[in-house]
């Protein structure tokens, strides 16, 4: 199921990342996790990942656990989970006495949200296809697509004198 995704590393891709022996700077953490350094900083800013240790030169330093959490976040984002849901999933992942029913409930909630989004996208697609069928697509300047996007006239009598 997860292998079809290309936005974030798959389980097979994760074996390609170099193992982290001790701690590493943000650039190496980005490469090892598949999450950009910019996004790593953002996740720290919003509290999604715990603050990391800093070197004597004040550089961020990431251990294997931090990188695993970043991989978790990246994979969750690739699957379309919201930041709020990722935060809740992270908490459940780190809670060793959690109930898998709680995790499943979040996953199924996300599936429902995805189904709603798919329905919205299908409605948009149908509307665009409909107006595209009305367009001659030739040298004429009149275009039903642009007319539809413009919407009804705001002038009295449809803008006619």
C-alpha atoms as a PDB file:
ATOM      1  CA  UNK A   1       0.000   0.000   0.000  1.00  0.00           C
ATOM      2  CA  UNK A   2       2.701   2.523   0.926  1.00  0.00           C
ATOM      3  CA  UNK A   3       5.071   1.674  -1.945  1.00  0.00           C
ATOM      4  CA  UNK A   4       2.918   3.525  -4.488  1.00  0.00           C
ATOM      5  CA  UNK A   5       3.790   6.874  -2.916  1.00  0.00           C
ATOM      6  CA  UNK A   6       6.726   8.896  -4.177  1.00  0.00           C
ATOM      7  CA  UNK A   7       6.489  12.044  -2.042  1.00  0.00           C
ATOM      8  CA  UNK A   8       8.214  10.504   0.959  1.00  0.00           C
ATOM      9  CA  UNK A   9      10.489   7.544   1.470  1.00  0.00           C
ATOM     10  CA  UNK A  10       8.993   4.072   1.373  1.00  0.00           C
ATOM     11  CA  UNK A  11      10.034   1.329   3.756  1.00  0.00           C
ATOM     12  CA  UNK A  12      12.454   0.060   1.082  1.00  0.00           C
ATOM     13  CA  UNK A  13      13.823   3.578   0.606  1.00  0.00           C
ATOM     14  CA  UNK A  14      14.540   3.905   4.307  1.00  0.00           C
ATOM     15  CA  UNK A  15      17.130   1.159   4.056  1.00  0.00           C
ATOM     16  CA  UNK A  16      19.037   3.375   1.600  1.00  0.00           C
ATOM     17  CA  UNK A  17      19.619   6.053   4.217  1.00  0.00           C
ATOM     18  CA  UNK A  18      22.896   5.919   6.032  1.00  0.00           C
ATOM     19  CA  UNK A  19      22.555   4.739   9.621  1.00  0.00           C
ATOM     20  CA  UNK A  20      23.205   7.338  12.287  1.00  0.00           C
ATOM     21  CA  UNK A  21      25.914   6.252  14.677  1.00  0.00           C
ATOM     22  CA  UNK A  22      25.848   9.050  17.233  1.00  0.00           C
ATOM     23  CA  UNK A  23      24.532  12.489  16.509  1.00  0.00           C
ATOM     24  CA  UNK A  24      24.633  14.475  13.302  1.00  0.00           C
ATOM     25  CA  UNK A  25      24.010  18.039  12.098  1.00  0.00           C
ATOM     26  CA  UNK A  26      20.796  19.128  10.419  1.00  0.00           C
ATOM     27  CA  UNK A  27      22.037  18.523   6.857  1.00  0.00           C
ATOM     28  CA  UNK A  28      22.832  14.888   7.592  1.00  0.00           C
ATOM     29  CA  UNK A  29      19.580  14.524   9.518  1.00  0.00           C
ATOM     30  CA  UNK A  30      17.714  15.858   6.482  1.00  0.00           C
ATOM     31  CA  UNK A  31      19.406  13.328   4.204  1.00  0.00           C
ATOM     32  CA  UNK A  32      18.878  10.485   6.659  1.00  0.00           C
ATOM     33  CA  UNK A  33      15.209  11.298   7.242  1.00  0.00           C
ATOM     34  CA  UNK A  34      14.122  12.472   3.798  1.00  0.00           C
ATOM     35  CA  UNK A  35      12.808  15.716   5.342  1.00  0.00           C
ATOM     36  CA  UNK A  36      14.338  19.031   4.260  1.00  0.00           C
ATOM     37  CA  UNK A  37      16.334  21.073   6.756  1.00  0.00           C
ATOM     38  CA  UNK A  38      13.803  23.891   6.371  1.00  0.00           C
ATOM     39  CA  UNK A  39      10.936  21.571   7.327  1.00  0.00           C
ATOM     40  CA  UNK A  40      12.932  20.127  10.229  1.00  0.00           C
ATOM     41  CA  UNK A  41      13.354  23.653  11.622  1.00  0.00           C
ATOM     42  CA  UNK A  42       9.643  24.313  11.088  1.00  0.00           C
ATOM     43  CA  UNK A  43       8.644  21.110  12.901  1.00  0.00           C
ATOM     44  CA  UNK A  44      10.847  22.151  15.821  1.00  0.00           C
ATOM     45  CA  UNK A  45       9.330  25.649  15.844  1.00  0.00           C
ATOM     46  CA  UNK A  46       5.761  24.339  16.067  1.00  0.00           C
ATOM     47  CA  UNK A  47       6.738  21.743  18.662  1.00  0.00           C
ATOM     48  CA  UNK A  48       6.090  18.694  16.510  1.00  0.00           C
ATOM     49  CA  UNK A  49       9.549  17.350  17.286  1.00  0.00           C
ATOM     50  CA  UNK A  50      11.329  17.804  20.554  1.00  0.00           C
ATOM     51  CA  UNK A  51      14.121  20.364  20.762  1.00  0.00           C
ATOM     52  CA  UNK A  52      17.439  18.796  19.888  1.00  0.00           C
ATOM     53  CA  UNK A  53      20.754  19.182  21.598  1.00  0.00           C
ATOM     54  CA  UNK A  54      23.121  21.846  20.401  1.00  0.00           C
ATOM     55  CA  UNK A  55      26.852  21.656  19.850  1.00  0.00           C
ATOM     56  CA  UNK A  56      29.331  24.037  21.444  1.00  0.00           C
ATOM     57  CA  UNK A  57      29.039  26.107  18.249  1.00  0.00           C
ATOM     58  CA  UNK A  58      25.222  26.142  18.734  1.00  0.00           C
ATOM     59  CA  UNK A  59      24.515  23.795  15.800  1.00  0.00           C
ATOM     60  CA  UNK A  60      21.547  21.450  16.067  1.00  0.00           C
ATOM     61  CA  UNK A  61      22.514  17.844  16.698  1.00  0.00           C
ATOM     62  CA  UNK A  62      20.184  14.925  15.874  1.00  0.00           C
ATOM     63  CA  UNK A  63      20.309  11.406  17.243  1.00  0.00           C
ATOM     64  CA  UNK A  64      18.772   8.262  15.740  1.00  0.00           C
ATOM     65  CA  UNK A  65      15.516   8.709  17.672  1.00  0.00           C
ATOM     66  CA  UNK A  66      15.066  12.250  16.340  1.00  0.00           C
ATOM     67  CA  UNK A  67      15.713  11.065  12.796  1.00  0.00           C
ATOM     68  CA  UNK A  68      13.215   8.238  13.189  1.00  0.00           C
ATOM     69  CA  UNK A  69      10.625  10.765  14.369  1.00  0.00           C
ATOM     70  CA  UNK A  70      11.386  12.926  11.325  1.00  0.00           C
ATOM     71  CA  UNK A  71      10.916   9.913   9.047  1.00  0.00           C
ATOM     72  CA  UNK A  72       7.596   9.233  10.786  1.00  0.00           C
ATOM     73  CA  UNK A  73       6.504  12.828  10.194  1.00  0.00           C
ATOM     74  CA  UNK A  74       7.628  12.815   6.564  1.00  0.00           C
ATOM     75  CA  UNK A  75       5.775   9.595   5.853  1.00  0.00           C
ATOM     76  CA  UNK A  76       2.664  10.886   7.613  1.00  0.00           C
ATOM     77  CA  UNK A  77       2.759  14.097   5.570  1.00  0.00           C
ATOM     78  CA  UNK A  78       3.123  12.066   2.361  1.00  0.00           C
ATOM     79  CA  UNK A  79      -0.048  10.220   3.315  1.00  0.00           C
ATOM     80  CA  UNK A  80      -1.855  13.540   3.743  1.00  0.00           C
ATOM     81  CA  UNK A  81      -2.258  13.591   7.523  1.00  0.00           C
ATOM     82  CA  UNK A  82      -2.743  17.072   8.975  1.00  0.00           C
ATOM     83  CA  UNK A  83      -0.186  18.494  11.376  1.00  0.00           C
ATOM     84  CA  UNK A  84      -2.666  18.047  14.220  1.00  0.00           C
ATOM     85  CA  UNK A  85      -3.176  14.391  13.349  1.00  0.00           C
ATOM     86  CA  UNK A  86       0.573  13.857  12.994  1.00  0.00           C
ATOM     87  CA  UNK A  87       1.043  15.309  16.456  1.00  0.00           C
ATOM     88  CA  UNK A  88      -1.546  12.899  17.833  1.00  0.00           C
ATOM     89  CA  UNK A  89      -0.048   9.963  15.915  1.00  0.00           C
ATOM     90  CA  UNK A  90       3.422  10.816  17.213  1.00  0.00           C
ATOM     91  CA  UNK A  91       2.094  10.871  20.774  1.00  0.00           C
ATOM     92  CA  UNK A  92       0.468   7.482  20.223  1.00  0.00           C
ATOM     93  CA  UNK A  93       3.633   6.089  18.617  1.00  0.00           C
ATOM     94  CA  UNK A  94       5.698   7.198  21.605  1.00  0.00           C
ATOM     95  CA  UNK A  95       3.150   5.861  24.114  1.00  0.00           C
ATOM     96  CA  UNK A  96       4.105   2.226  24.601  1.00  0.00           C
ATOM     97  CA  UNK A  97       0.841   1.445  26.436  1.00  0.00           C
ATOM     98  CA  UNK A  98      -1.375   2.908  23.731  1.00  0.00           C
ATOM     99  CA  UNK A  99      -4.321   1.080  22.279  1.00  0.00           C
ATOM    100  CA  UNK A 100      -4.046   0.294  18.586  1.00  0.00           C
ATOM    101  CA  UNK A 101      -7.765   1.093  18.430  1.00  0.00           C
ATOM    102  CA  UNK A 102      -6.871   4.748  19.001  1.00  0.00           C
ATOM    103  CA  UNK A 103      -4.426   4.677  16.094  1.00  0.00           C
ATOM    104  CA  UNK A 104      -6.938   2.918  13.865  1.00  0.00           C
ATOM    105  CA  UNK A 105      -9.621   5.473  14.729  1.00  0.00           C
ATOM    106  CA  UNK A 106      -7.326   8.310  13.615  1.00  0.00           C
ATOM    107  CA  UNK A 107      -6.436   6.472  10.417  1.00  0.00           C
ATOM    108  CA  UNK A 108     -10.079   5.816   9.593  1.00  0.00           C
ATOM    109  CA  UNK A 109     -10.968   9.426  10.361  1.00  0.00           C
ATOM    110  CA  UNK A 110      -8.317  10.449   7.835  1.00  0.00           C
ATOM    111  CA  UNK A 111      -9.729   8.001   5.282  1.00  0.00           C
ATOM    112  CA  UNK A 112     -13.122   9.675   5.702  1.00  0.00           C
ATOM    113  CA  UNK A 113     -11.565  13.110   5.170  1.00  0.00           C
ATOM    114  CA  UNK A 114      -9.793  11.826   2.071  1.00  0.00           C
ATOM    115  CA  UNK A 115     -13.062  10.434   0.728  1.00  0.00           C
ATOM    116  CA  UNK A 116     -14.706  13.837   1.203  1.00  0.00           C
ATOM    117  CA  UNK A 117     -11.809  15.538  -0.570  1.00  0.00           C
ATOM    118  CA  UNK A 118     -11.971  13.027  -3.432  1.00  0.00           C
ATOM    119  CA  UNK A 119     -15.693  13.735  -3.840  1.00  0.00           C
ATOM    120  CA  UNK A 120     -14.991  17.488  -3.921  1.00  0.00           C
ATOM    121  CA  UNK A 121     -12.268  16.991  -6.530  1.00  0.00           C
ATOM    122  CA  UNK A 122     -14.542  14.802  -8.658  1.00  0.00           C
ATOM    123  CA  UNK A 123     -17.229  17.513  -8.555  1.00  0.00           C
ATOM    124  CA  UNK A 124     -14.664  20.128  -9.636  1.00  0.00           C
ATOM    125  CA  UNK A 125     -13.421  17.865 -12.418  1.00  0.00           C
ATOM    126  CA  UNK A 126     -16.952  17.304 -13.726  1.00  0.00           C
ATOM    127  CA  UNK A 127     -17.688  21.048 -13.690  1.00  0.00           C
ATOM    128  CA  UNK A 128     -14.502  21.860 -15.597  1.00  0.00           C
ATOM    129  CA  UNK A 129     -15.121  19.066 -18.101  1.00  0.00           C
ATOM    130  CA  UNK A 130     -18.650  20.403 -18.660  1.00  0.00           C
ATOM    131  CA  UNK A 131     -17.543  23.949 -19.472  1.00  0.00           C
ATOM    132  CA  UNK A 132     -14.612  22.658 -21.540  1.00  0.00           C
ATOM    133  CA  UNK A 133     -17.077  20.718 -23.700  1.00  0.00           C
ATOM    134  CA  UNK A 134     -18.931  24.000 -24.355  1.00  0.00           C
ATOM    135  CA  UNK A 135     -15.773  25.719 -25.614  1.00  0.00           C
ATOM    136  CA  UNK A 136     -15.031  25.510 -29.346  1.00  0.00           C
ATOM    137  CA  UNK A 137     -11.302  25.842 -28.722  1.00  0.00           C
ATOM    138  CA  UNK A 138     -10.762  27.714 -31.968  1.00  0.00           C
ATOM    139  CA  UNK A 139      -9.780  31.235 -33.083  1.00  0.00           C
ATOM    140  CA  UNK A 140     -12.951  32.869 -31.721  1.00  0.00           C
ATOM    141  CA  UNK A 141     -12.585  35.091 -28.682  1.00  0.00           C
ATOM    142  CA  UNK A 142     -15.787  33.992 -26.931  1.00  0.00           C
ATOM    143  CA  UNK A 143     -15.028  31.327 -24.381  1.00  0.00           C
ATOM    144  CA  UNK A 144     -17.586  29.582 -22.152  1.00  0.00           C
ATOM    145  CA  UNK A 145     -14.808  28.580 -19.756  1.00  0.00           C
ATOM    146  CA  UNK A 146     -13.862  32.188 -19.054  1.00  0.00           C
ATOM    147  CA  UNK A 147     -17.537  33.176 -18.912  1.00  0.00           C
ATOM    148  CA  UNK A 148     -18.153  30.499 -16.277  1.00  0.00           C
ATOM    149  CA  UNK A 149     -15.154  31.604 -14.233  1.00  0.00           C
ATOM    150  CA  UNK A 150     -16.299  35.225 -14.429  1.00  0.00           C
ATOM    151  CA  UNK A 151     -19.696  34.329 -13.027  1.00  0.00           C
ATOM    152  CA  UNK A 152     -22.951  36.218 -13.517  1.00  0.00           C
ATOM    153  CA  UNK A 153     -22.826  39.917 -14.286  1.00  0.00           C
ATOM    154  CA  UNK A 154     -23.198  42.278 -11.343  1.00  0.00           C
ATOM    155  CA  UNK A 155     -24.659  45.015 -13.520  1.00  0.00           C
ATOM    156  CA  UNK A 156     -28.454  45.452 -13.711  1.00  0.00           C
ATOM    157  CA  UNK A 157     -30.019  43.647 -16.695  1.00  0.00           C
ATOM    158  CA  UNK A 158     -26.902  41.526 -17.132  1.00  0.00           C
ATOM    159  CA  UNK A 159     -24.879  44.543 -18.232  1.00  0.00           C
ATOM    160  CA  UNK A 160     -27.131  45.247 -21.212  1.00  0.00           C
ATOM    161  CA  UNK A 161     -28.330  48.830 -21.830  1.00  0.00           C
END
